[in-house]
PDB file of N, CA and C in Angstrom:
ATOM      1  N   MET A   1      27.899  -0.183  60.323  1.00  0.00           N
ATOM      2  CA  MET A   1      27.751   1.250  60.429  1.00  0.00           C
ATOM      3  C   MET A   1      26.456   1.589  61.171  1.00  0.00           C
ATOM      4  N   ALA A   2      25.353   0.949  60.800  1.00  0.00           N
ATOM      5  CA  ALA A   2      24.078   1.218  61.463  1.00  0.00           C
ATOM      6  C   ALA A   2      24.158   0.891  62.948  1.00  0.00           C
ATOM      7  N   SER A   3      24.876  -0.155  63.288  1.00  0.00           N
ATOM      8  CA  SER A   3      25.032  -0.537  64.689  1.00  0.00           C
ATOM      9  C   SER A   3      25.731   0.562  65.481  1.00  0.00           C
ATOM     10  N   GLU A   4      26.758   1.154  64.915  1.00  0.00           N
ATOM     11  CA  GLU A   4      27.492   2.227  65.585  1.00  0.00           C
ATOM     12  C   GLU A   4      26.599   3.456  65.769  1.00  0.00           C
ATOM     13  N   ILE A   5      25.821   3.780  64.768  1.00  0.00           N
ATOM     14  CA  ILE A   5      24.931   4.937  64.845  1.00  0.00           C
ATOM     15  C   ILE A   5      23.878   4.732  65.919  1.00  0.00           C
ATOM     16  N   THR A   6      23.252   3.552  65.941  1.00  0.00           N
ATOM     17  CA  THR A   6      22.181   3.313  66.910  1.00  0.00           C
ATOM     18  C   THR A   6      22.705   3.212  68.334  1.00  0.00           C
ATOM     19  N   LYS A   7      23.880   2.660  68.524  1.00  0.00           N
ATOM     20  CA  LYS A   7      24.388   2.554  69.899  1.00  0.00           C
ATOM     21  C   LYS A   7      24.757   3.907  70.467  1.00  0.00           C
ATOM     22  N   ASN A   8      24.921   4.905  69.600  1.00  0.00           N
ATOM     23  CA  ASN A   8      25.202   6.263  70.041  1.00  0.00           C
ATOM     24  C   ASN A   8      23.955   7.142  70.015  1.00  0.00           C
ATOM     25  N   GLY A   9      22.782   6.504  69.957  1.00  0.00           N
ATOM     26  CA  GLY A   9      21.524   7.223  70.062  1.00  0.00           C
ATOM     27  C   GLY A   9      20.972   7.774  68.763  1.00  0.00           C
ATOM     28  N   GLY A  10      21.605   7.490  67.663  1.00  0.00           N
ATOM     29  CA  GLY A  10      21.133   7.999  66.375  1.00  0.00           C
ATOM     30  C   GLY A  10      20.169   7.043  65.704  1.00  0.00           C
ATOM     31  N   ILE A  11      19.622   7.495  64.610  1.00  0.00           N
ATOM     32  CA  ILE A  11      18.719   6.669  63.803  1.00  0.00           C
ATOM     33  C   ILE A  11      19.404   6.424  62.468  1.00  0.00           C
ATOM     34  N   ALA A  12      19.558   5.169  62.114  1.00  0.00           N
ATOM     35  CA  ALA A  12      20.145   4.792  60.828  1.00  0.00           C
ATOM     36  C   ALA A  12      19.034   4.240  59.950  1.00  0.00           C
ATOM     37  N   ILE A  13      18.903   4.793  58.786  1.00  0.00           N
ATOM     38  CA  ILE A  13      17.918   4.283  57.828  1.00  0.00           C
ATOM     39  C   ILE A  13      18.713   3.633  56.708  1.00  0.00           C
ATOM     40  N   CYS A  14      18.533   2.341  56.547  1.00  0.00           N
ATOM     41  CA  CYS A  14      19.280   1.577  55.556  1.00  0.00           C
ATOM     42  C   CYS A  14      18.306   0.969  54.556  1.00  0.00           C
ATOM     43  N   ALA A  15      18.695   0.945  53.312  1.00  0.00           N
ATOM     44  CA  ALA A  15      17.828   0.392  52.277  1.00  0.00           C
ATOM     45  C   ALA A  15      18.561  -0.687  51.480  1.00  0.00           C
ATOM     46  N   PRO A  16      19.010  -1.728  52.165  1.00  0.00           N
ATOM     47  CA  PRO A  16      19.699  -2.788  51.427  1.00  0.00           C
ATOM     48  C   PRO A  16      18.720  -3.764  50.806  1.00  0.00           C
ATOM     49  N   ILE A  17      19.184  -4.451  49.791  1.00  0.00           N
ATOM     50  CA  ILE A  17      18.448  -5.620  49.323  1.00  0.00           C
ATOM     51  C   ILE A  17      19.015  -6.759  50.148  1.00  0.00           C
ATOM     52  N   ALA A  18      18.223  -7.253  51.064  1.00  0.00           N
ATOM     53  CA  ALA A  18      18.654  -8.326  51.958  1.00  0.00           C
ATOM     54  C   ALA A  18      17.768  -9.527  51.681  1.00  0.00           C
ATOM     55  N   PRO A  19      18.114 -10.328  50.688  1.00  0.00           N
ATOM     56  CA  PRO A  19      17.209 -11.376  50.236  1.00  0.00           C
ATOM     57  C   PRO A  19      17.125 -12.621  51.111  1.00  0.00           C
ATOM     58  N   TYR A  20      18.032 -12.775  52.066  1.00  0.00           N
ATOM     59  CA  TYR A  20      18.058 -14.012  52.837  1.00  0.00           C
ATOM     60  C   TYR A  20      17.679 -13.782  54.294  1.00  0.00           C
ATOM     61  N   GLU A  21      16.800 -14.601  54.793  1.00  0.00           N
ATOM     62  CA  GLU A  21      16.311 -14.506  56.171  1.00  0.00           C
ATOM     63  C   GLU A  21      17.457 -14.592  57.168  1.00  0.00           C
ATOM     64  N   ARG A  22      18.412 -15.466  56.928  1.00  0.00           N
ATOM     65  CA  ARG A  22      19.532 -15.658  57.850  1.00  0.00           C
ATOM     66  C   ARG A  22      20.315 -14.361  58.032  1.00  0.00           C
ATOM     67  N   ILE A  23      20.599 -13.664  56.971  1.00  0.00           N
ATOM     68  CA  ILE A  23      21.355 -12.416  57.054  1.00  0.00           C
ATOM     69  C   ILE A  23      20.552 -11.345  57.784  1.00  0.00           C
ATOM     70  N   ARG A  24      19.255 -11.235  57.467  1.00  0.00           N
ATOM     71  CA  ARG A  24      18.426 -10.245  58.159  1.00  0.00           C
ATOM     72  C   ARG A  24      18.374 -10.533  59.650  1.00  0.00           C
ATOM     73  N   ARG A  25      18.289 -11.808  60.016  1.00  0.00           N
ATOM     74  CA  ARG A  25      18.262 -12.185  61.436  1.00  0.00           C
ATOM     75  C   ARG A  25      19.577 -11.806  62.113  1.00  0.00           C
ATOM     76  N   GLU A  26      20.705 -12.071  61.444  1.00  0.00           N
ATOM     77  CA  GLU A  26      22.010 -11.724  62.007  1.00  0.00           C
ATOM     78  C   GLU A  26      22.139 -10.212  62.215  1.00  0.00           C
ATOM     79  N   VAL A  27      21.660  -9.429  61.258  1.00  0.00           N
ATOM     80  CA  VAL A  27      21.739  -7.973  61.379  1.00  0.00           C
ATOM     81  C   VAL A  27      20.860  -7.501  62.532  1.00  0.00           C
ATOM     82  N   ARG A  28      19.654  -8.050  62.632  1.00  0.00           N
ATOM     83  CA  ARG A  28      18.760  -7.679  63.747  1.00  0.00           C
ATOM     84  C   ARG A  28      19.434  -8.013  65.086  1.00  0.00           C
ATOM     85  N   GLU A  29      20.022  -9.193  65.201  1.00  0.00           N
ATOM     86  CA  GLU A  29      20.680  -9.609  66.445  1.00  0.00           C
ATOM     87  C   GLU A  29      21.868  -8.719  66.784  1.00  0.00           C
ATOM     88  N   MET A  30      22.531  -8.184  65.767  1.00  0.00           N
ATOM     89  CA  MET A  30      23.689  -7.324  65.984  1.00  0.00           C
ATOM     90  C   MET A  30      23.255  -5.923  66.436  1.00  0.00           C
ATOM     91  N   ILE A  31      22.169  -5.413  65.878  1.00  0.00           N
ATOM     92  CA  ILE A  31      21.763  -4.032  66.129  1.00  0.00           C
ATOM     93  C   ILE A  31      20.785  -3.897  67.286  1.00  0.00           C
ATOM     94  N   ALA A  32      19.812  -4.770  67.393  1.00  0.00           N
ATOM     95  CA  ALA A  32      18.726  -4.631  68.370  1.00  0.00           C
ATOM     96  C   ALA A  32      19.207  -4.431  69.814  1.00  0.00           C
ATOM     97  N   PRO A  33      20.250  -5.121  70.288  1.00  0.00           N
ATOM     98  CA  PRO A  33      20.678  -4.898  71.682  1.00  0.00           C
ATOM     99  C   PRO A  33      21.229  -3.495  71.934  1.00  0.00           C
ATOM    100  N   ARG A  34      21.672  -2.819  70.896  1.00  0.00           N
ATOM    101  CA  ARG A  34      22.283  -1.496  71.054  1.00  0.00           C
ATOM    102  C   ARG A  34      21.321  -0.362  70.741  1.00  0.00           C
ATOM    103  N   GLY A  35      20.196  -0.670  70.173  1.00  0.00           N
ATOM    104  CA  GLY A  35      19.226   0.349  69.791  1.00  0.00           C
ATOM    105  C   GLY A  35      18.061  -0.317  69.085  1.00  0.00           C
ATOM    106  N   GLY A  36      17.117   0.479  68.650  1.00  0.00           N
ATOM    107  CA  GLY A  36      15.956  -0.075  67.966  1.00  0.00           C
ATOM    108  C   GLY A  36      16.299  -0.608  66.593  1.00  0.00           C
ATOM    109  N   TYR A  37      15.542  -1.582  66.177  1.00  0.00           N
ATOM    110  CA  TYR A  37      15.701  -2.151  64.839  1.00  0.00           C
ATOM    111  C   TYR A  37      14.306  -2.385  64.298  1.00  0.00           C
ATOM    112  N   ILE A  38      14.001  -1.785  63.185  1.00  0.00           N
ATOM    113  CA  ILE A  38      12.687  -1.949  62.564  1.00  0.00           C
ATOM    114  C   ILE A  38      12.903  -2.437  61.144  1.00  0.00           C
ATOM    115  N   LEU A  39      12.339  -3.577  60.839  1.00  0.00           N
ATOM    116  CA  LEU A  39      12.444  -4.138  59.504  1.00  0.00           C
ATOM    117  C   LEU A  39      11.199  -3.752  58.717  1.00  0.00           C
ATOM    118  N   VAL A  40      11.405  -3.020  57.633  1.00  0.00           N
ATOM    119  CA  VAL A  40      10.317  -2.616  56.756  1.00  0.00           C
ATOM    120  C   VAL A  40      10.457  -3.415  55.467  1.00  0.00           C
ATOM    121  N   HIS A  41       9.443  -4.211  55.160  1.00  0.00           N
ATOM    122  CA  HIS A  41       9.454  -5.017  53.945  1.00  0.00           C
ATOM    123  C   HIS A  41       8.660  -4.287  52.872  1.00  0.00           C
ATOM    124  N   VAL A  42       9.333  -3.977  51.769  1.00  0.00           N
ATOM    125  CA  VAL A  42       8.688  -3.324  50.642  1.00  0.00           C
ATOM    126  C   VAL A  42       8.533  -4.378  49.560  1.00  0.00           C
ATOM    127  N   SER A  43       7.292  -4.718  49.274  1.00  0.00           N
ATOM    128  CA  SER A  43       6.998  -5.807  48.347  1.00  0.00           C
ATOM    129  C   SER A  43       6.538  -5.255  46.994  1.00  0.00           C
ATOM    130  N   THR A  44       7.219  -5.697  45.959  1.00  0.00           N
ATOM    131  CA  THR A  44       6.861  -5.309  44.602  1.00  0.00           C
ATOM    132  C   THR A  44       7.005  -6.538  43.713  1.00  0.00           C
ATOM    133  N   PRO A  45       5.972  -6.893  42.962  1.00  0.00           N
ATOM    134  CA  PRO A  45       6.087  -8.041  42.058  1.00  0.00           C
ATOM    135  C   PRO A  45       7.214  -7.834  41.039  1.00  0.00           C
ATOM    136  N   VAL A  46       7.852  -8.925  40.650  1.00  0.00           N
ATOM    137  CA  VAL A  46       8.964  -8.858  39.698  1.00  0.00           C
ATOM    138  C   VAL A  46       8.536  -8.149  38.418  1.00  0.00           C
ATOM    139  N   GLU A  47       7.319  -8.403  37.964  1.00  0.00           N
ATOM    140  CA  GLU A  47       6.848  -7.774  36.720  1.00  0.00           C
ATOM    141  C   GLU A  47       6.841  -6.249  36.849  1.00  0.00           C
ATOM    142  N   VAL A  48       6.451  -5.762  38.013  1.00  0.00           N
ATOM    143  CA  VAL A  48       6.422  -4.317  38.250  1.00  0.00           C
ATOM    144  C   VAL A  48       7.848  -3.783  38.357  1.00  0.00           C
ATOM    145  N   CYS A  49       8.728  -4.529  39.010  1.00  0.00           N
ATOM    146  CA  CYS A  49      10.137  -4.125  39.080  1.00  0.00           C
ATOM    147  C   CYS A  49      10.721  -3.993  37.670  1.00  0.00           C
ATOM    148  N   GLU A  50      10.399  -4.934  36.809  1.00  0.00           N
ATOM    149  CA  GLU A  50      10.883  -4.882  35.427  1.00  0.00           C
ATOM    150  C   GLU A  50      10.378  -3.635  34.720  1.00  0.00           C
ATOM    151  N   GLN A  51       9.102  -3.281  34.922  1.00  0.00           N
ATOM    152  CA  GLN A  51       8.530  -2.093  34.290  1.00  0.00           C
ATOM    153  C   GLN A  51       9.182  -0.811  34.805  1.00  0.00           C
ATOM    154  N   ARG A  52       9.537  -0.780  36.069  1.00  0.00           N
ATOM    155  CA  ARG A  52      10.110   0.417  36.692  1.00  0.00           C
ATOM    156  C   ARG A  52      11.621   0.531  36.513  1.00  0.00           C
ATOM    157  N   ASP A  53      12.247  -0.512  36.026  1.00  0.00           N
ATOM    158  CA  ASP A  53      13.707  -0.601  35.955  1.00  0.00           C
ATOM    159  C   ASP A  53      14.281   0.317  34.876  1.00  0.00           C
ATOM    160  N   ARG A  54      14.821   1.440  35.296  1.00  0.00           N
ATOM    161  CA  ARG A  54      15.376   2.431  34.367  1.00  0.00           C
ATOM    162  C   ARG A  54      16.717   2.003  33.783  1.00  0.00           C
ATOM    163  N   LYS A  55      17.437   1.162  34.509  1.00  0.00           N
ATOM    164  CA  LYS A  55      18.780   0.762  34.066  1.00  0.00           C
ATOM    165  C   LYS A  55      18.772  -0.505  33.224  1.00  0.00           C
ATOM    166  N   GLY A  56      17.627  -1.171  33.136  1.00  0.00           N
ATOM    167  CA  GLY A  56      17.549  -2.392  32.343  1.00  0.00           C
ATOM    168  C   GLY A  56      18.198  -3.602  32.991  1.00  0.00           C
ATOM    169  N   LEU A  57      18.390  -3.564  34.311  1.00  0.00           N
ATOM    170  CA  LEU A  57      19.066  -4.667  35.002  1.00  0.00           C
ATOM    171  C   LEU A  57      18.227  -5.943  35.005  1.00  0.00           C
ATOM    172  N   PHE A  58      16.908  -5.807  35.156  1.00  0.00           N
ATOM    173  CA  PHE A  58      16.054  -6.994  35.156  1.00  0.00           C
ATOM    174  C   PHE A  58      16.077  -7.671  33.787  1.00  0.00           C
ATOM    175  N   ALA A  59      16.073  -6.892  32.729  1.00  0.00           N
ATOM    176  CA  ALA A  59      16.138  -7.458  31.377  1.00  0.00           C
ATOM    177  C   ALA A  59      17.465  -8.191  31.172  1.00  0.00           C
ATOM    178  N   LYS A  60      18.564  -7.585  31.634  1.00  0.00           N
ATOM    179  CA  LYS A  60      19.874  -8.241  31.515  1.00  0.00           C
ATOM    180  C   LYS A  60      19.922  -9.515  32.334  1.00  0.00           C
ATOM    181  N   ALA A  61      19.344  -9.489  33.527  1.00  0.00           N
ATOM    182  CA  ALA A  61      19.323 -10.686  34.371  1.00  0.00           C
ATOM    183  C   ALA A  61      18.470 -11.782  33.727  1.00  0.00           C
ATOM    184  N   SER A  62      17.352 -11.404  33.146  1.00  0.00           N
ATOM    185  CA  SER A  62      16.478 -12.380  32.490  1.00  0.00           C
ATOM    186  C   SER A  62      17.175 -13.047  31.308  1.00  0.00           C
ATOM    187  N   LYS A  63      18.069 -12.316  30.640  1.00  0.00           N
ATOM    188  CA  LYS A  63      18.819 -12.855  29.504  1.00  0.00           C
ATOM    189  C   LYS A  63      20.067 -13.611  29.939  1.00  0.00           C
ATOM    190  N   GLY A  64      20.356 -13.604  31.260  1.00  0.00           N
ATOM    191  CA  GLY A  64      21.527 -14.304  31.768  1.00  0.00           C
ATOM    192  C   GLY A  64      22.801 -13.482  31.734  1.00  0.00           C
ATOM    193  N   ILE A  65      22.697 -12.222  31.366  1.00  0.00           N
ATOM    194  CA  ILE A  65      23.876 -11.357  31.306  1.00  0.00           C
ATOM    195  C   ILE A  65      24.370 -11.038  32.718  1.00  0.00           C
ATOM    196  N   ILE A  66      23.422 -10.815  33.628  1.00  0.00           N
ATOM    197  CA  ILE A  66      23.767 -10.596  35.034  1.00  0.00           C
ATOM    198  C   ILE A  66      23.418 -11.865  35.792  1.00  0.00           C
ATOM    199  N   LYS A  67      24.379 -12.412  36.480  1.00  0.00           N
ATOM    200  CA  LYS A  67      24.183 -13.649  37.245  1.00  0.00           C
ATOM    201  C   LYS A  67      23.773 -13.335  38.679  1.00  0.00           C
ATOM    202  N   GLN A  68      23.107 -14.281  39.318  1.00  0.00           N
ATOM    203  CA  GLN A  68      22.694 -14.193  40.721  1.00  0.00           C
ATOM    204  C   GLN A  68      21.988 -12.869  41.023  1.00  0.00           C
ATOM    205  N   PHE A  69      20.958 -12.584  40.262  1.00  0.00           N
ATOM    206  CA  PHE A  69      20.181 -11.352  40.412  1.00  0.00           C
ATOM    207  C   PHE A  69      18.931 -11.672  41.224  1.00  0.00           C
ATOM    208  N   THR A  70      18.779 -10.984  42.349  1.00  0.00           N
ATOM    209  CA  THR A  70      17.670 -11.250  43.260  1.00  0.00           C
ATOM    210  C   THR A  70      16.328 -11.150  42.548  1.00  0.00           C
ATOM    211  N   GLY A  71      15.527 -12.183  42.707  1.00  0.00           N
ATOM    212  CA  GLY A  71      14.193 -12.222  42.123  1.00  0.00           C
ATOM    213  C   GLY A  71      14.141 -12.841  40.737  1.00  0.00           C
ATOM    214  N   ILE A  72      15.287 -12.974  40.085  1.00  0.00           N
ATOM    215  CA  ILE A  72      15.340 -13.578  38.750  1.00  0.00           C
ATOM    216  C   ILE A  72      16.068 -14.921  38.830  1.00  0.00           C
ATOM    217  N   SER A  73      17.368 -14.892  39.057  1.00  0.00           N
ATOM    218  CA  SER A  73      18.151 -16.125  39.117  1.00  0.00           C
ATOM    219  C   SER A  73      18.617 -16.457  40.530  1.00  0.00           C
ATOM    220  N   ASP A  74      18.274 -15.611  41.472  1.00  0.00           N
ATOM    221  CA  ASP A  74      18.631 -15.832  42.867  1.00  0.00           C
ATOM    222  C   ASP A  74      17.364 -15.611  43.698  1.00  0.00           C
ATOM    223  N   PRO A  75      17.109 -16.455  44.681  1.00  0.00           N
ATOM    224  CA  PRO A  75      15.836 -16.356  45.407  1.00  0.00           C
ATOM    225  C   PRO A  75      15.754 -15.140  46.327  1.00  0.00           C
ATOM    226  N   TYR A  76      14.535 -14.769  46.657  1.00  0.00           N
ATOM    227  CA  TYR A  76      14.268 -13.761  47.666  1.00  0.00           C
ATOM    228  C   TYR A  76      13.367 -14.403  48.702  1.00  0.00           C
ATOM    229  N   GLU A  77      13.814 -14.420  49.945  1.00  0.00           N
ATOM    230  CA  GLU A  77      13.030 -14.998  51.034  1.00  0.00           C
ATOM    231  C   GLU A  77      12.283 -13.864  51.733  1.00  0.00           C
ATOM    232  N   GLU A  78      10.962 -13.856  51.621  1.00  0.00           N
ATOM    233  CA  GLU A  78      10.171 -12.808  52.267  1.00  0.00           C
ATOM    234  C   GLU A  78      10.353 -12.877  53.772  1.00  0.00           C
ATOM    235  N   PRO A  79      10.517 -11.725  54.410  1.00  0.00           N
ATOM    236  CA  PRO A  79      10.695 -11.741  55.860  1.00  0.00           C
ATOM    237  C   PRO A  79       9.423 -12.155  56.590  1.00  0.00           C
ATOM    238  N   ALA A  80       9.591 -13.046  57.535  1.00  0.00           N
ATOM    239  CA  ALA A  80       8.457 -13.495  58.352  1.00  0.00           C
ATOM    240  C   ALA A  80       8.270 -12.590  59.564  1.00  0.00           C
ATOM    241  N   ASP A  81       9.289 -11.767  59.853  1.00  0.00           N
ATOM    242  CA  ASP A  81       9.261 -10.961  61.066  1.00  0.00           C
ATOM    243  C   ASP A  81       9.317  -9.457  60.789  1.00  0.00           C
ATOM    244  N   ALA A  82       8.814  -9.028  59.635  1.00  0.00           N
ATOM    245  CA  ALA A  82       8.830  -7.598  59.309  1.00  0.00           C
ATOM    246  C   ALA A  82       7.946  -6.830  60.289  1.00  0.00           C
ATOM    247  N   ASP A  83       8.445  -5.690  60.743  1.00  0.00           N
ATOM    248  CA  ASP A  83       7.666  -4.835  61.630  1.00  0.00           C
ATOM    249  C   ASP A  83       6.609  -4.064  60.845  1.00  0.00           C
ATOM    250  N   MET A  84       6.907  -3.812  59.595  1.00  0.00           N
ATOM    251  CA  MET A  84       5.976  -3.136  58.690  1.00  0.00           C
ATOM    252  C   MET A  84       6.154  -3.753  57.315  1.00  0.00           C
ATOM    253  N   ALA A  85       5.069  -3.788  56.543  1.00  0.00           N
ATOM    254  CA  ALA A  85       5.143  -4.319  55.178  1.00  0.00           C
ATOM    255  C   ALA A  85       4.256  -3.478  54.273  1.00  0.00           C
ATOM    256  N   PHE A  86       4.775  -3.190  53.087  1.00  0.00           N
ATOM    257  CA  PHE A  86       4.050  -2.382  52.120  1.00  0.00           C
ATOM    258  C   PHE A  86       4.086  -3.037  50.758  1.00  0.00           C
ATOM    259  N   GLY A  87       2.968  -3.000  50.075  1.00  0.00           N
ATOM    260  CA  GLY A  87       2.908  -3.389  48.683  1.00  0.00           C
ATOM    261  C   GLY A  87       2.949  -2.124  47.849  1.00  0.00           C
ATOM    262  N   THR A  88       3.979  -1.976  47.038  1.00  0.00           N
ATOM    263  CA  THR A  88       4.134  -0.719  46.300  1.00  0.00           C
ATOM    264  C   THR A  88       3.188  -0.594  45.114  1.00  0.00           C
ATOM    265  N   THR A  89       2.419  -1.629  44.848  1.00  0.00           N
ATOM    266  CA  THR A  89       1.397  -1.486  43.813  1.00  0.00           C
ATOM    267  C   THR A  89       0.124  -0.903  44.411  1.00  0.00           C
ATOM    268  N   ASP A  90       0.022  -0.939  45.745  1.00  0.00           N
ATOM    269  CA  ASP A  90      -1.159  -0.417  46.440  1.00  0.00           C
ATOM    270  C   ASP A  90      -0.948   0.990  46.995  1.00  0.00           C
ATOM    271  N   LEU A  91       0.290   1.310  47.363  1.00  0.00           N
ATOM    272  CA  LEU A  91       0.591   2.592  48.001  1.00  0.00           C
ATOM    273  C   LEU A  91       1.658   3.340  47.222  1.00  0.00           C
ATOM    274  N   SER A  92       1.560   4.656  47.237  1.00  0.00           N
ATOM    275  CA  SER A  92       2.601   5.484  46.619  1.00  0.00           C
ATOM    276  C   SER A  92       3.799   5.547  47.560  1.00  0.00           C
ATOM    277  N   PRO A  93       4.965   5.958  47.049  1.00  0.00           N
ATOM    278  CA  PRO A  93       6.109   6.128  47.946  1.00  0.00           C
ATOM    279  C   PRO A  93       5.808   7.103  49.088  1.00  0.00           C
ATOM    280  N   GLU A  94       5.080   8.158  48.794  1.00  0.00           N
ATOM    281  CA  GLU A  94       4.736   9.144  49.823  1.00  0.00           C
ATOM    282  C   GLU A  94       3.863   8.526  50.911  1.00  0.00           C
ATOM    283  N   GLU A  95       2.921   7.679  50.516  1.00  0.00           N
ATOM    284  CA  GLU A  95       2.060   7.013  51.497  1.00  0.00           C
ATOM    285  C   GLU A  95       2.867   6.054  52.374  1.00  0.00           C
ATOM    286  N   CYS A  96       3.812   5.345  51.774  1.00  0.00           N
ATOM    287  CA  CYS A  96       4.668   4.435  52.543  1.00  0.00           C
ATOM    288  C   CYS A  96       5.497   5.224  53.564  1.00  0.00           C
ATOM    289  N   VAL A  97       6.083   6.328  53.124  1.00  0.00           N
ATOM    290  CA  VAL A  97       6.885   7.154  54.024  1.00  0.00           C
ATOM    291  C   VAL A  97       6.027   7.671  55.171  1.00  0.00           C
ATOM    292  N   GLN A  98       4.816   8.118  54.875  1.00  0.00           N
ATOM    293  CA  GLN A  98       3.927   8.617  55.918  1.00  0.00           C
ATOM    294  C   GLN A  98       3.627   7.530  56.948  1.00  0.00           C
ATOM    295  N   GLU A  99       3.388   6.316  56.505  1.00  0.00           N
ATOM    296  CA  GLU A  99       3.130   5.201  57.425  1.00  0.00           C
ATOM    297  C   GLU A  99       4.349   4.928  58.305  1.00  0.00           C
ATOM    298  N   ILE A 100       5.526   5.008  57.721  1.00  0.00           N
ATOM    299  CA  ILE A 100       6.752   4.785  58.495  1.00  0.00           C
ATOM    300  C   ILE A 100       6.920   5.883  59.542  1.00  0.00           C
ATOM    301  N   ILE A 101       6.704   7.121  59.155  1.00  0.00           N
ATOM    302  CA  ILE A 101       6.815   8.236  60.104  1.00  0.00           C
ATOM    303  C   ILE A 101       5.829   8.062  61.252  1.00  0.00           C
ATOM    304  N   LEU A 102       4.594   7.699  60.942  1.00  0.00           N
ATOM    305  CA  LEU A 102       3.592   7.477  61.990  1.00  0.00           C
ATOM    306  C   LEU A 102       4.019   6.360  62.936  1.00  0.00           C
ATOM    307  N   PHE A 103       4.568   5.292  62.380  1.00  0.00           N
ATOM    308  CA  PHE A 103       5.047   4.179  63.195  1.00  0.00           C
ATOM    309  C   PHE A 103       6.184   4.627  64.107  1.00  0.00           C
ATOM    310  N   LEU A 104       7.148   5.372  63.554  1.00  0.00           N
ATOM    311  CA  LEU A 104       8.277   5.849  64.349  1.00  0.00           C
ATOM    312  C   LEU A 104       7.815   6.782  65.460  1.00  0.00           C
ATOM    313  N   GLU A 105       6.819   7.615  65.182  1.00  0.00           N
ATOM    314  CA  GLU A 105       6.261   8.487  66.223  1.00  0.00           C
ATOM    315  C   GLU A 105       5.581   7.662  67.310  1.00  0.00           C
ATOM    316  N   LYS A 106       4.765   6.698  66.897  1.00  0.00           N
ATOM    317  CA  LYS A 106       4.038   5.854  67.851  1.00  0.00           C
ATOM    318  C   LYS A 106       4.996   5.081  68.752  1.00  0.00           C
ATOM    319  N   GLU A 107       6.100   4.633  68.194  1.00  0.00           N
ATOM    320  CA  GLU A 107       7.079   3.849  68.957  1.00  0.00           C
ATOM    321  C   GLU A 107       8.051   4.731  69.747  1.00  0.00           C
ATOM    322  N   GLY A 108       7.948   6.048  69.584  1.00  0.00           N
ATOM    323  CA  GLY A 108       8.784   6.964  70.351  1.00  0.00           C
ATOM    324  C   GLY A 108      10.162   7.244  69.779  1.00  0.00           C
ATOM    325  N   TYR A 109      10.409   6.869  68.542  1.00  0.00           N
ATOM    326  CA  TYR A 109      11.711   7.134  67.927  1.00  0.00           C
ATOM    327  C   TYR A 109      11.861   8.576  67.506  1.00  0.00           C
ATOM    328  N   ILE A 110      10.770   9.195  67.066  1.00  0.00           N
ATOM    329  CA  ILE A 110      10.789  10.584  66.640  1.00  0.00           C
ATOM    330  C   ILE A 110       9.582  11.313  67.210  1.00  0.00           C
ATOM    331  N   GLY A 111       9.608  12.629  67.127  1.00  0.00           N
ATOM    332  CA  GLY A 111       8.471  13.419  67.614  1.00  0.00           C
ATOM    333  C   GLY A 111       8.875  14.242  68.810  1.00  0.00           C
ATOM    334  N   PRO A 112       7.880  14.912  69.400  1.00  0.00           N
ATOM    335  CA  PRO A 112       8.188  15.771  70.556  1.00  0.00           C
ATOM    336  C   PRO A 112       8.718  14.949  71.727  1.00  0.00           C
ATOM    337  N   GLU A 113       9.673  15.522  72.399  1.00  0.00           N
ATOM    338  CA  GLU A 113      10.236  14.831  73.566  1.00  0.00           C
ATOM    339  C   GLU A 113       9.226  14.779  74.689  1.00  0.00           C
ATOM    340  N   LYS A 114       9.205  13.642  75.356  1.00  0.00           N
ATOM    341  CA  LYS A 114       8.291  13.489  76.494  1.00  0.00           C
ATOM    342  C   LYS A 114       8.868  14.175  77.708  1.00  0.00           C
ATOM    343  N   GLN A 115       8.011  14.852  78.452  1.00  0.00           N
ATOM    344  CA  GLN A 115       8.481  15.583  79.620  1.00  0.00           C
ATOM    345  C   GLN A 115       8.051  14.911  80.887  1.00  0.00           C
TER     346      GLN A 115
END
C-alpha cells in the first residue's frame, strides 16, 4: 500500500513493528525506487514497554501465554540503516514528531513549494 501511495506522489506514514532487518531491507528496496523511504527507529527498553503496556500483552508474553512476541520470546534486530533514531525515554512523543517534521522539511518532502 505504501508503495502505491509513494509512486503516485503521496506520503505514506507506516508504523509497523518490523523486527527483522531482512524484511525492512526488502520493504526499502520495494518502495525507494518509486518514492522516498525514511526509516525511523523508535527505541524503548523492554522494561519501559512493559510499564506503558495498557493491554497487558508484555505480561502475557512473559508468562508464555502469547508466543513469538517481539522483544520477549522473539528477537528484535535493531536497524543499522535508520535515517532517524529516537530513544523514547529521552524524548517526548511531541519532541519526536517535531524532529521528524524538521527532517521532512529539510529533505524537501513537506513545506513551502520551491519556486
